[in-house]
Amino acid sequence: MENQVCDQTPSNRGYGLRKVVVNMKSKADMAERLFVDGFSCAQSVMAAFCEGYDMDMATGLKTSCGLGGGCGLGELCGVISGGTLVVGLKYGQYDLEDNVSKANCREKRDEFVGKFTEKHGSATCRDLLGFDILTEEGEEKYVNLFKNRAAAPCVKYVKDAAQILVDLDY
């Protein structure tokens, strides 16, 4: 992958938009870097694929912002939610009469989720992390995990989800 220049990437520090040059070998590396820099798992996966679908990175990051941490409930992992958004960009239905696209999108989603689940044994944050983020103890563990984002287990899930999408030709 060549350098990607995004003029409308939001700063994860809350200072508005900034120009970013992303020099990554792959979309999986890009997703990993976005996560380590502070974006959620869902945002990181989604944003790594925006350019290929004529979506600016800012829109991708904003669209997927609320999906991380299993939508904050520890349920469906954000990498699955972000990846499913990418599936929708490629195969999603936009014409009410087009049920073929809807069925195809569901099939492609199931393929993506299946490959991730086969590799990791689950698609939920609770199972992947090994604790429930909604308990007091789980919330404390969750907060501590992200004190060093590069060491969080989620980094692997982000990179693997993005690589699965690459392998499936997204």
C-alpha atoms as a PDB file:
ATOM      1  CA  MET A   1       0.000   0.000   0.000  1.00  0.00           C
ATOM      2  CA  GLU A   2       1.310   3.420  -0.875  1.00  0.00           C
ATOM      3  CA  ASN A   3       1.130   6.459   1.349  1.00  0.00           C
ATOM      4  CA  GLN A   4      -2.399   7.602   1.946  1.00  0.00           C
ATOM      5  CA  VAL A   5      -3.042  11.280   2.513  1.00  0.00           C
ATOM      6  CA  CYS A   6      -6.221  12.132   4.297  1.00  0.00           C
ATOM      7  CA  ASP A   7      -7.006  15.821   4.630  1.00  0.00           C
ATOM      8  CA  GLN A   8     -10.020  15.231   6.862  1.00  0.00           C
ATOM      9  CA  THR A   9      -8.849  12.847   9.542  1.00  0.00           C
ATOM     10  CA  PRO A  10     -10.144  13.937  12.928  1.00  0.00           C
ATOM     11  CA  SER A  11      -7.542  14.355  15.582  1.00  0.00           C
ATOM     12  CA  ASN A  12      -8.086  11.831  18.349  1.00  0.00           C
ATOM     13  CA  ARG A  13      -6.969  14.512  20.770  1.00  0.00           C
ATOM     14  CA  GLY A  14     -10.112  16.573  20.237  1.00  0.00           C
ATOM     15  CA  TYR A  15      -8.467  19.406  18.306  1.00  0.00           C
ATOM     16  CA  GLY A  16     -10.520  19.104  15.169  1.00  0.00           C
ATOM     17  CA  LEU A  17      -9.285  18.028  11.773  1.00  0.00           C
ATOM     18  CA  ARG A  18      -5.665  17.476  10.899  1.00  0.00           C
ATOM     19  CA  LYS A  19      -3.740  16.307   7.883  1.00  0.00           C
ATOM     20  CA  VAL A  20      -2.382  12.809   8.236  1.00  0.00           C
ATOM     21  CA  VAL A  21      -0.037  10.887   6.010  1.00  0.00           C
ATOM     22  CA  VAL A  22      -0.394   7.186   6.558  1.00  0.00           C
ATOM     23  CA  ASN A  23       2.575   5.135   5.406  1.00  0.00           C
ATOM     24  CA  MET A  24       1.547   1.541   5.917  1.00  0.00           C
ATOM     25  CA  LYS A  25       2.363  -1.702   4.205  1.00  0.00           C
ATOM     26  CA  SER A  26      -1.176  -2.983   4.580  1.00  0.00           C
ATOM     27  CA  LYS A  27      -4.662  -2.119   5.705  1.00  0.00           C
ATOM     28  CA  ALA A  28      -4.118  -4.436   8.667  1.00  0.00           C
ATOM     29  CA  ASP A  29      -1.094  -2.346   9.700  1.00  0.00           C
ATOM     30  CA  MET A  30      -3.122   0.814   9.228  1.00  0.00           C
ATOM     31  CA  ALA A  31      -5.959  -0.524  11.404  1.00  0.00           C
ATOM     32  CA  GLU A  32      -3.442  -1.503  14.073  1.00  0.00           C
ATOM     33  CA  ARG A  33      -1.825   1.968  14.015  1.00  0.00           C
ATOM     34  CA  LEU A  34      -5.204   3.711  14.285  1.00  0.00           C
ATOM     35  CA  PHE A  35      -6.084   1.579  17.301  1.00  0.00           C
ATOM     36  CA  VAL A  36      -2.753   2.110  19.054  1.00  0.00           C
ATOM     37  CA  ASP A  37      -3.104   5.852  18.409  1.00  0.00           C
ATOM     38  CA  GLY A  38      -6.419   5.918  20.303  1.00  0.00           C
ATOM     39  CA  PHE A  39      -9.320   5.102  18.007  1.00  0.00           C
ATOM     40  CA  SER A  40     -11.704   2.312  18.959  1.00  0.00           C
ATOM     41  CA  CYS A  41     -11.497  -1.190  17.541  1.00  0.00           C
ATOM     42  CA  ALA A  42     -14.511  -0.574  15.281  1.00  0.00           C
ATOM     43  CA  GLN A  43     -13.192   2.783  14.084  1.00  0.00           C
ATOM     44  CA  SER A  44      -9.770   1.337  13.348  1.00  0.00           C
ATOM     45  CA  VAL A  45     -11.090  -1.461  11.152  1.00  0.00           C
ATOM     46  CA  MET A  46     -13.630   0.731   9.356  1.00  0.00           C
ATOM     47  CA  ALA A  47     -11.241   3.631   8.699  1.00  0.00           C
ATOM     48  CA  ALA A  48      -8.549   1.399   7.223  1.00  0.00           C
ATOM     49  CA  PHE A  49     -10.894   0.573   4.341  1.00  0.00           C
ATOM     50  CA  CYS A  50     -12.661   3.887   3.680  1.00  0.00           C
ATOM     51  CA  GLU A  51     -10.487   5.088   0.824  1.00  0.00           C
ATOM     52  CA  GLY A  52     -11.252   2.039  -1.291  1.00  0.00           C
ATOM     53  CA  TYR A  53     -14.964   2.812  -1.110  1.00  0.00           C
ATOM     54  CA  ASP A  54     -14.926   6.557  -1.802  1.00  0.00           C
ATOM     55  CA  MET A  55     -15.566   7.413   1.833  1.00  0.00           C
ATOM     56  CA  ASP A  56     -13.364   9.922   3.571  1.00  0.00           C
ATOM     57  CA  MET A  57     -11.729   8.676   6.736  1.00  0.00           C
ATOM     58  CA  ALA A  58     -13.477  11.260   8.926  1.00  0.00           C
ATOM     59  CA  THR A  59     -16.888   9.903   7.914  1.00  0.00           C
ATOM     60  CA  GLY A  60     -15.765   6.340   8.531  1.00  0.00           C
ATOM     61  CA  LEU A  61     -14.407   7.217  11.956  1.00  0.00           C
ATOM     62  CA  LYS A  62     -17.541   9.119  12.913  1.00  0.00           C
ATOM     63  CA  THR A  63     -19.873   6.408  11.608  1.00  0.00           C
ATOM     64  CA  SER A  64     -18.195   3.657  13.614  1.00  0.00           C
ATOM     65  CA  CYS A  65     -17.405   5.676  16.749  1.00  0.00           C
ATOM     66  CA  GLY A  66     -20.094   4.231  19.026  1.00  0.00           C
ATOM     67  CA  LEU A  67     -19.408   0.586  18.214  1.00  0.00           C
ATOM     68  CA  GLY A  68     -16.227  -0.069  20.187  1.00  0.00           C
ATOM     69  CA  GLY A  69     -16.191  -2.258  23.277  1.00  0.00           C
ATOM     70  CA  GLY A  70     -19.168  -4.207  22.025  1.00  0.00           C
ATOM     71  CA  CYS A  71     -21.166  -0.972  21.886  1.00  0.00           C
ATOM     72  CA  GLY A  72     -19.966  -0.407  25.434  1.00  0.00           C
ATOM     73  CA  LEU A  73     -21.742  -3.552  26.609  1.00  0.00           C
ATOM     74  CA  GLY A  74     -19.064  -6.161  26.023  1.00  0.00           C
ATOM     75  CA  GLU A  75     -21.224  -7.854  23.430  1.00  0.00           C
ATOM     76  CA  LEU A  76     -20.385  -8.135  19.712  1.00  0.00           C
ATOM     77  CA  CYS A  77     -16.742  -7.100  19.375  1.00  0.00           C
ATOM     78  CA  GLY A  78     -16.220  -3.749  17.678  1.00  0.00           C
ATOM     79  CA  VAL A  79     -13.875  -5.302  15.110  1.00  0.00           C
ATOM     80  CA  ILE A  80     -16.829  -7.376  13.935  1.00  0.00           C
ATOM     81  CA  SER A  81     -19.090  -4.323  13.838  1.00  0.00           C
ATOM     82  CA  GLY A  82     -16.476  -2.256  11.990  1.00  0.00           C
ATOM     83  CA  GLY A  83     -15.744  -5.120   9.610  1.00  0.00           C
ATOM     84  CA  THR A  84     -19.439  -5.610   8.934  1.00  0.00           C
ATOM     85  CA  LEU A  85     -19.666  -1.935   7.979  1.00  0.00           C
ATOM     86  CA  VAL A  86     -16.873  -2.567   5.463  1.00  0.00           C
ATOM     87  CA  VAL A  87     -18.804  -5.551   4.088  1.00  0.00           C
ATOM     88  CA  GLY A  88     -21.800  -3.247   3.683  1.00  0.00           C
ATOM     89  CA  LEU A  89     -19.729  -0.691   1.795  1.00  0.00           C
ATOM     90  CA  LYS A  90     -18.901  -3.325  -0.798  1.00  0.00           C
ATOM     91  CA  TYR A  91     -22.053  -5.442  -0.911  1.00  0.00           C
ATOM     92  CA  GLY A  92     -24.780  -3.494   0.892  1.00  0.00           C
ATOM     93  CA  GLN A  93     -28.290  -2.985  -0.366  1.00  0.00           C
ATOM     94  CA  TYR A  94     -29.255   0.575  -1.303  1.00  0.00           C
ATOM     95  CA  ASP A  95     -32.271  -0.143  -3.505  1.00  0.00           C
ATOM     96  CA  LEU A  96     -35.360  -1.326  -1.628  1.00  0.00           C
ATOM     97  CA  GLU A  97     -36.252  -3.682  -4.470  1.00  0.00           C
ATOM     98  CA  ASP A  98     -32.802  -5.301  -4.573  1.00  0.00           C
ATOM     99  CA  ASN A  99     -33.123  -8.281  -2.256  1.00  0.00           C
ATOM    100  CA  VAL A 100     -30.269 -10.050  -4.034  1.00  0.00           C
ATOM    101  CA  SER A 101     -27.774  -7.486  -2.674  1.00  0.00           C
ATOM    102  CA  LYS A 102     -29.248  -7.811   0.806  1.00  0.00           C
ATOM    103  CA  ALA A 103     -28.887 -11.605   0.752  1.00  0.00           C
ATOM    104  CA  ASN A 104     -25.376 -11.380  -0.711  1.00  0.00           C
ATOM    105  CA  CYS A 105     -24.328  -8.873   1.964  1.00  0.00           C
ATOM    106  CA  ARG A 106     -25.578 -11.183   4.708  1.00  0.00           C
ATOM    107  CA  GLU A 107     -23.676 -14.094   3.166  1.00  0.00           C
ATOM    108  CA  LYS A 108     -20.467 -12.040   2.972  1.00  0.00           C
ATOM    109  CA  ARG A 109     -20.962 -10.805   6.536  1.00  0.00           C
ATOM    110  CA  ASP A 110     -21.382 -14.381   7.749  1.00  0.00           C
ATOM    111  CA  GLU A 111     -18.203 -15.361   5.899  1.00  0.00           C
ATOM    112  CA  PHE A 112     -16.218 -12.581   7.594  1.00  0.00           C
ATOM    113  CA  VAL A 113     -17.646 -13.264  11.062  1.00  0.00           C
ATOM    114  CA  GLY A 114     -17.136 -17.000  10.588  1.00  0.00           C
ATOM    115  CA  LYS A 115     -13.455 -16.610   9.720  1.00  0.00           C
ATOM    116  CA  PHE A 116     -12.854 -14.330  12.704  1.00  0.00           C
ATOM    117  CA  THR A 117     -14.730 -16.651  15.073  1.00  0.00           C
ATOM    118  CA  GLU A 118     -12.888 -19.679  13.705  1.00  0.00           C
ATOM    119  CA  LYS A 119      -9.573 -17.975  14.439  1.00  0.00           C
ATOM    120  CA  HIS A 120     -10.446 -16.591  17.888  1.00  0.00           C
ATOM    121  CA  GLY A 121     -13.243 -18.811  19.178  1.00  0.00           C
ATOM    122  CA  SER A 122     -15.728 -15.988  19.705  1.00  0.00           C
ATOM    123  CA  ALA A 123     -16.975 -12.677  18.377  1.00  0.00           C
ATOM    124  CA  THR A 124     -17.898 -11.060  21.705  1.00  0.00           C
ATOM    125  CA  CYS A 125     -15.746  -8.751  23.787  1.00  0.00           C
ATOM    126  CA  ARG A 126     -16.692 -10.609  26.940  1.00  0.00           C
ATOM    127  CA  ASP A 127     -15.297 -13.883  25.618  1.00  0.00           C
ATOM    128  CA  LEU A 128     -12.305 -12.393  23.814  1.00  0.00           C
ATOM    129  CA  LEU A 129     -11.214 -10.352  26.820  1.00  0.00           C
ATOM    130  CA  GLY A 130     -12.106 -13.028  29.361  1.00  0.00           C
ATOM    131  CA  PHE A 131     -14.162 -10.726  31.596  1.00  0.00           C
ATOM    132  CA  ASP A 132     -17.398  -8.737  31.645  1.00  0.00           C
ATOM    133  CA  ILE A 133     -16.761  -5.004  31.196  1.00  0.00           C
ATOM    134  CA  LEU A 134     -20.099  -4.190  32.844  1.00  0.00           C
ATOM    135  CA  THR A 135     -19.008  -5.392  36.267  1.00  0.00           C
ATOM    136  CA  GLU A 136     -17.010  -3.133  38.555  1.00  0.00           C
ATOM    137  CA  GLU A 137     -14.038  -5.505  38.421  1.00  0.00           C
ATOM    138  CA  GLY A 138     -14.357  -5.874  34.635  1.00  0.00           C
ATOM    139  CA  GLU A 139     -14.540  -2.132  34.103  1.00  0.00           C
ATOM    140  CA  GLU A 140     -11.353  -1.684  36.112  1.00  0.00           C
ATOM    141  CA  LYS A 141      -9.591  -4.377  34.056  1.00  0.00           C
ATOM    142  CA  TYR A 142     -10.857  -2.764  30.842  1.00  0.00           C
ATOM    143  CA  VAL A 143      -9.541   0.671  31.838  1.00  0.00           C
ATOM    144  CA  ASN A 144      -6.174  -0.814  32.820  1.00  0.00           C
ATOM    145  CA  LEU A 145      -5.885  -2.671  29.499  1.00  0.00           C
ATOM    146  CA  PHE A 146      -5.937   0.596  27.622  1.00  0.00           C
ATOM    147  CA  LYS A 147      -3.277   2.345  29.648  1.00  0.00           C
ATOM    148  CA  ASN A 148      -0.907   0.717  27.166  1.00  0.00           C
ATOM    149  CA  ARG A 149      -2.995   0.257  24.035  1.00  0.00           C
ATOM    150  CA  ALA A 150      -0.157  -1.387  22.119  1.00  0.00           C
ATOM    151  CA  ALA A 151      -0.132  -4.234  24.658  1.00  0.00           C
ATOM    152  CA  ALA A 152      -3.921  -4.691  24.800  1.00  0.00           C
ATOM    153  CA  PRO A 153      -5.203  -7.998  23.371  1.00  0.00           C
ATOM    154  CA  CYS A 154      -7.532  -5.952  21.173  1.00  0.00           C
ATOM    155  CA  VAL A 155      -4.586  -4.952  18.965  1.00  0.00           C
ATOM    156  CA  LYS A 156      -4.403  -8.507  17.642  1.00  0.00           C
ATOM    157  CA  TYR A 157      -8.168  -8.646  17.069  1.00  0.00           C
ATOM    158  CA  VAL A 158      -8.093  -5.348  15.156  1.00  0.00           C
ATOM    159  CA  LYS A 159      -5.209  -6.452  12.957  1.00  0.00           C
ATOM    160  CA  ASP A 160      -6.655  -9.922  12.385  1.00  0.00           C
ATOM    161  CA  ALA A 161     -10.113  -8.588  11.459  1.00  0.00           C
ATOM    162  CA  ALA A 162      -8.574  -6.176   8.944  1.00  0.00           C
ATOM    163  CA  GLN A 163      -6.385  -8.945   7.505  1.00  0.00           C
ATOM    164  CA  ILE A 164      -9.394 -11.254   7.140  1.00  0.00           C
ATOM    165  CA  LEU A 165     -11.139  -8.507   5.159  1.00  0.00           C
ATOM    166  CA  VAL A 166      -8.040  -8.081   2.969  1.00  0.00           C
ATOM    167  CA  ASP A 167      -7.913 -11.834   2.407  1.00  0.00           C
ATOM    168  CA  LEU A 168     -11.577 -11.724   1.372  1.00  0.00           C
ATOM    169  CA  ASP A 169     -10.738  -8.994  -1.214  1.00  0.00           C
ATOM    170  CA  TYR A 170     -12.125  -5.891   0.488  1.00  0.00           C
END
